[in-house]
Amino acid sequence: MIATQARTNVIATRSGEHLHAYPQILIGVGGATHCEFDNSAVSMKRGSVLMVPDAAKHRYAGQCLDSELLVLDLNLADELVLSLETVCGLSFRDSLFRSPQSVELAAETQPLLDFARYQLSQSRGVITQVVNHQLVTLFLTLIGQQYASDSTENLPSSLRLDVLNRVIDNALDEPPANHVLAEALHVSESHLYYLCRKQFGLTPQQYASARRLNRARTCLQQTRMSVTGVALEHGFADTASFSRAYKRFFGHSPRQERTL
């Protein structure tokens, strides 16, 4: 079983695929990193937080040389994690890690990322355990309390589909993060997640991805734009990730779309 720990991961321009037997919290420290799941994708920048459930296969691709993540590897049976669940009043498995989801750290808390990077760079030997305890407590409590606070707000019982679609359609080349969608709809990120699941059976990013793919399909059918051009215009990092997502969604590749 993995030990609960905090660490930094310099992604730079590397790419790959992961599948872990434990949940993780990924926080953007610098640059930009594209993360792709079977039914959604997230572009992470500084302050972006991505919660990855155990056994959630995901692909990643660093977008620039300074792409870096703060990673919290979590053992949900760890006494530290259990105590933080009590503090936050949450079951992390049933809330933060029920599916891949993303939030944004408030601007005033983002300097903590520099503090975390410094602490981890300076730690040696036994001090590392103290630093791990400190940073896991700090960030997991911050994220957990934000989630708990958002989920108790008195917010609308349904989403305005016209507003949601307009925000997505106005940024097809750079898919809007959950906090952007939530702000446009005047709801919290956790309530946005709840309502999307309730209305569509999808997470916000899954809904956004489905809409982008349908717009991309229309583009393929009605224009002569190259597949690469369509991919980039609709927010995909490259043709390969676009083709994978397209085939999963429609059952055939983008190139086959034009032969049907």
Protein backbone atom coordinates (compact mmCIF):
# COMPACT_ATOMS: atom_id res chain seq x y z
CA MET A 1 0.00 0.00 0.00
CA ILE A 2 1.31 3.43 -0.93
CA ALA A 3 2.41 5.75 1.86
CA THR A 4 0.66 9.12 1.93
CA GLN A 5 3.16 11.65 0.65
CA ALA A 6 3.67 14.99 -1.06
CA ARG A 7 6.14 15.35 -3.91
CA THR A 8 6.86 17.46 -6.95
CA ASN A 9 6.92 16.08 -10.48
CA VAL A 10 8.62 18.08 -13.22
CA ILE A 11 6.69 17.02 -16.32
CA ALA A 12 8.38 19.44 -18.76
CA THR A 13 7.41 18.17 -22.24
CA ARG A 14 7.20 14.49 -21.31
CA SER A 15 4.05 12.46 -21.95
CA GLY A 16 2.81 9.06 -20.87
CA GLU A 17 0.01 7.02 -19.33
CA HIS A 18 -0.64 6.13 -15.69
CA LEU A 19 -2.89 3.81 -13.72
CA HIS A 20 -2.53 3.88 -9.92
CA ALA A 21 -4.02 1.68 -7.19
CA TYR A 22 -4.42 4.78 -4.98
CA PRO A 23 -6.01 8.21 -5.40
CA GLN A 24 -3.98 11.30 -6.16
CA ILE A 25 -4.38 15.05 -6.04
CA LEU A 26 -2.44 16.85 -8.79
CA ILE A 27 -1.88 20.58 -8.44
CA GLY A 28 -0.36 22.72 -11.19
CA VAL A 29 2.75 24.54 -9.96
CA GLY A 30 4.09 25.88 -13.26
CA GLY A 31 3.66 25.68 -17.01
CA ALA A 32 0.75 23.66 -18.38
CA THR A 33 -0.04 19.94 -18.40
CA HIS A 34 -2.78 18.26 -20.42
CA CYS A 35 -4.46 15.30 -18.65
CA GLU A 36 -6.85 13.02 -20.49
CA PHE A 37 -9.22 10.39 -19.07
CA ASP A 38 -11.48 7.99 -20.97
CA ASN A 39 -14.37 10.47 -21.01
CA SER A 40 -12.86 13.85 -20.21
CA ALA A 41 -9.76 15.99 -20.47
CA VAL A 42 -8.31 18.81 -18.36
CA SER A 43 -5.67 21.42 -19.17
CA MET A 44 -3.85 22.18 -15.92
CA LYS A 45 -2.09 25.47 -15.22
CA ARG A 46 -0.74 26.99 -12.02
CA GLY A 47 -3.38 26.62 -9.31
CA SER A 48 -5.40 23.95 -11.14
CA VAL A 49 -6.32 21.00 -8.91
CA LEU A 50 -7.17 17.59 -10.39
CA MET A 51 -8.53 14.80 -8.21
CA VAL A 52 -7.71 11.37 -9.65
CA PRO A 53 -9.51 8.32 -8.19
CA ASP A 54 -7.67 5.05 -7.77
CA ALA A 55 -7.66 2.89 -10.93
CA ALA A 56 -8.55 5.90 -13.13
CA LYS A 57 -6.35 5.47 -16.21
CA HIS A 58 -5.08 8.80 -17.47
CA ARG A 59 -2.69 10.16 -20.04
CA TYR A 60 -0.60 13.26 -19.51
CA ALA A 61 1.43 15.57 -21.73
CA GLY A 62 3.54 18.51 -20.59
CA GLN A 63 3.02 21.56 -22.77
CA CYS A 64 6.23 23.47 -21.95
CA LEU A 65 9.61 23.05 -20.25
CA ASP A 66 8.47 24.53 -16.92
CA SER A 67 5.42 22.25 -16.58
CA GLU A 68 5.44 20.99 -12.99
CA LEU A 69 2.94 19.39 -10.62
CA LEU A 70 2.65 19.09 -6.87
CA VAL A 71 1.44 15.53 -6.30
CA LEU A 72 -0.31 14.17 -3.20
CA ASP A 73 -0.30 10.34 -3.21
CA LEU A 74 -2.97 9.27 -0.74
CA ASN A 75 -3.62 6.14 1.26
CA LEU A 76 -7.25 6.61 2.32
CA ALA A 77 -6.69 4.22 5.25
CA ASP A 78 -3.84 6.35 6.61
CA GLU A 79 -4.54 7.77 10.09
CA LEU A 80 -3.61 11.25 8.88
CA VAL A 81 -6.08 11.09 5.99
CA LEU A 82 -8.82 9.66 8.23
CA SER A 83 -8.34 12.50 10.70
CA LEU A 84 -8.58 15.05 7.88
CA GLU A 85 -11.86 13.47 6.73
CA THR A 86 -13.21 14.14 10.22
CA VAL A 87 -12.00 17.74 10.15
CA CYS A 88 -13.59 18.35 6.74
CA GLY A 89 -16.74 16.33 7.48
CA LEU A 90 -16.33 14.34 4.27
CA SER A 91 -15.73 10.86 2.99
CA PHE A 92 -12.96 11.63 0.51
CA ARG A 93 -13.69 8.50 -1.52
CA ASP A 94 -17.36 9.48 -1.92
CA SER A 95 -16.71 13.16 -2.59
CA LEU A 96 -13.32 14.23 -3.90
CA PHE A 97 -12.57 10.88 -5.54
CA ARG A 98 -15.93 9.66 -6.78
CA SER A 99 -14.74 10.50 -10.33
CA PRO A 100 -12.03 12.63 -11.95
CA GLN A 101 -12.86 16.28 -11.25
CA SER A 102 -11.04 19.57 -11.16
CA VAL A 103 -11.18 22.82 -9.20
CA GLU A 104 -9.01 25.94 -9.00
CA LEU A 105 -7.15 27.17 -5.95
CA ALA A 106 -8.18 30.66 -4.91
CA ALA A 107 -5.63 33.25 -6.06
CA GLU A 108 -4.75 34.20 -2.49
CA THR A 109 -3.75 30.62 -1.66
CA GLN A 110 -1.54 30.03 -4.70
CA PRO A 111 1.63 31.37 -3.01
CA LEU A 112 1.40 28.20 -0.90
CA LEU A 113 2.58 26.33 -3.99
CA ASP A 114 5.92 28.13 -3.84
CA PHE A 115 6.11 27.34 -0.12
CA ALA A 116 5.46 23.65 -0.85
CA ARG A 117 8.06 23.53 -3.60
CA TYR A 118 10.64 25.14 -1.32
CA GLN A 119 9.86 22.81 1.59
CA LEU A 120 10.19 19.72 -0.56
CA SER A 121 13.44 20.92 -2.13
CA GLN A 122 14.96 21.52 1.30
CA SER A 123 13.77 18.37 3.06
CA ARG A 124 16.18 15.55 3.79
CA GLY A 125 15.82 12.23 5.63
CA VAL A 126 13.49 12.24 8.62
CA ILE A 127 12.46 15.85 7.97
CA THR A 128 10.74 14.63 4.81
CA GLN A 129 8.11 12.89 6.95
CA VAL A 130 7.40 16.14 8.79
CA VAL A 131 7.14 18.01 5.49
CA ASN A 132 4.86 15.33 4.02
CA HIS A 133 2.55 15.57 7.06
CA GLN A 134 2.57 19.36 6.85
CA LEU A 135 1.85 19.65 3.12
CA VAL A 136 -0.72 16.85 2.90
CA THR A 137 -2.58 18.38 5.85
CA LEU A 138 -2.41 21.87 4.35
CA PHE A 139 -3.62 21.10 0.84
CA LEU A 140 -6.03 18.26 1.56
CA THR A 141 -7.75 20.30 4.27
CA LEU A 142 -7.88 23.36 2.01
CA ILE A 143 -9.44 21.41 -0.85
CA GLY A 144 -11.74 19.36 1.41
CA GLN A 145 -13.08 22.39 3.27
CA GLN A 146 -13.68 24.26 0.01
CA TYR A 147 -15.61 21.26 -1.31
CA ALA A 148 -17.67 20.95 1.88
CA SER A 149 -18.44 24.68 1.95
CA ASP A 150 -19.50 24.76 -1.70
CA SER A 151 -21.76 21.74 -1.35
CA THR A 152 -23.89 23.37 1.38
CA GLU A 153 -24.69 26.58 -0.53
CA ASN A 154 -28.31 27.40 -1.41
CA LEU A 155 -27.96 27.27 -5.18
CA PRO A 156 -30.19 26.70 -8.23
CA SER A 157 -31.69 23.25 -8.76
CA SER A 158 -30.90 23.18 -12.50
CA LEU A 159 -28.38 24.60 -14.95
CA ARG A 160 -29.15 27.10 -17.70
CA LEU A 161 -28.25 25.07 -20.74
CA ASP A 162 -28.04 28.11 -23.04
CA VAL A 163 -25.42 29.74 -20.81
CA LEU A 164 -23.44 26.52 -20.37
CA ASN A 165 -23.34 25.85 -24.11
CA ARG A 166 -22.43 29.43 -24.96
CA VAL A 167 -19.43 29.41 -22.62
CA ILE A 168 -18.20 26.11 -24.08
CA ASP A 169 -18.80 27.20 -27.69
CA ASN A 170 -16.97 30.50 -27.18
CA ALA A 171 -13.80 28.69 -26.12
CA LEU A 172 -13.68 25.54 -28.25
CA ASP A 173 -9.92 25.86 -28.79
CA GLU A 174 -9.20 26.08 -25.04
CA PRO A 175 -11.86 24.19 -23.07
CA PRO A 176 -13.04 26.25 -20.06
CA ALA A 177 -12.17 24.90 -16.63
CA ASN A 178 -14.92 24.06 -14.14
CA HIS A 179 -14.44 27.34 -12.27
CA VAL A 180 -15.09 29.31 -15.48
CA LEU A 181 -18.30 27.35 -16.15
CA ALA A 182 -19.37 27.74 -12.52
CA GLU A 183 -18.79 31.50 -12.53
CA ALA A 184 -20.81 31.95 -15.71
CA LEU A 185 -23.69 29.97 -14.20
CA HIS A 186 -23.39 31.62 -10.75
CA VAL A 187 -22.95 28.32 -8.94
CA SER A 188 -20.09 26.71 -7.02
CA GLU A 189 -17.87 24.14 -8.71
CA SER A 190 -19.20 21.31 -6.54
CA HIS A 191 -22.81 22.30 -7.31
CA LEU A 192 -21.96 22.52 -11.00
CA TYR A 193 -20.66 18.95 -10.75
CA TYR A 194 -23.79 17.81 -8.89
CA LEU A 195 -26.20 19.41 -11.38
CA CYS A 196 -24.34 18.11 -14.45
CA ARG A 197 -24.49 14.59 -13.05
CA LYS A 198 -28.17 15.07 -12.22
CA GLN A 199 -29.22 16.57 -15.57
CA PHE A 200 -26.93 14.81 -18.05
CA GLY A 201 -25.37 11.87 -16.21
CA LEU A 202 -21.98 13.43 -16.99
CA THR A 203 -19.34 15.45 -15.18
CA PRO A 204 -18.94 19.06 -16.40
CA GLN A 205 -15.80 18.18 -18.34
CA GLN A 206 -17.46 15.13 -19.88
CA TYR A 207 -20.37 17.32 -21.01
CA ALA A 208 -17.97 19.92 -22.42
CA SER A 209 -15.99 17.20 -24.19
CA ALA A 210 -19.17 15.72 -25.72
CA ARG A 211 -20.23 19.13 -27.00
CA ARG A 212 -16.79 19.85 -28.46
CA LEU A 213 -16.76 16.47 -30.20
CA ASN A 214 -20.19 17.08 -31.71
CA ARG A 215 -19.05 20.50 -32.95
CA ALA A 216 -15.90 18.87 -34.36
CA ARG A 217 -18.06 16.29 -36.15
CA THR A 218 -20.08 19.06 -37.79
CA CYS A 219 -16.85 20.74 -38.86
CA LEU A 220 -15.57 17.51 -40.42
CA GLN A 221 -18.85 16.98 -42.27
CA GLN A 222 -19.30 20.53 -43.54
CA THR A 223 -15.77 21.82 -44.22
CA ARG A 224 -12.55 20.64 -45.83
CA MET A 225 -10.41 21.60 -42.83
CA SER A 226 -7.70 19.03 -42.06
CA VAL A 227 -8.21 16.62 -39.16
CA THR A 228 -5.27 18.26 -37.38
CA GLY A 229 -6.85 21.68 -37.85
CA VAL A 230 -10.18 20.45 -36.51
CA ALA A 231 -8.43 18.87 -33.51
CA LEU A 232 -6.59 22.06 -32.56
CA GLU A 233 -9.60 24.30 -33.17
CA HIS A 234 -11.66 22.16 -30.80
CA GLY A 235 -9.24 22.10 -27.88
CA PHE A 236 -7.30 18.87 -28.36
CA ALA A 237 -3.55 18.83 -27.77
CA ASP A 238 -2.82 16.84 -30.91
CA THR A 239 -4.37 14.65 -33.60
CA ALA A 240 -3.76 11.43 -31.66
CA SER A 241 -5.68 12.52 -28.56
CA PHE A 242 -8.49 13.87 -30.79
CA SER A 243 -8.71 10.59 -32.72
CA ARG A 244 -8.83 8.51 -29.52
CA ALA A 245 -11.58 10.65 -28.02
CA TYR A 246 -13.52 10.77 -31.30
CA LYS A 247 -13.42 7.00 -31.80
CA ARG A 248 -14.51 6.33 -28.21
CA PHE A 249 -17.43 8.72 -28.60
CA PHE A 250 -18.66 7.96 -32.14
CA GLY A 251 -17.26 4.48 -32.74
CA HIS A 252 -15.10 5.49 -35.71
CA SER A 253 -12.15 7.76 -36.41
CA PRO A 254 -12.31 11.39 -37.62
CA ARG A 255 -10.91 10.36 -41.01
CA GLN A 256 -13.59 7.66 -41.37
CA GLU A 257 -16.23 10.33 -40.65
CA ARG A 258 -15.67 11.80 -44.10
CA THR A 259 -16.10 8.42 -45.83
CA LEU A 260 -19.42 7.52 -44.21
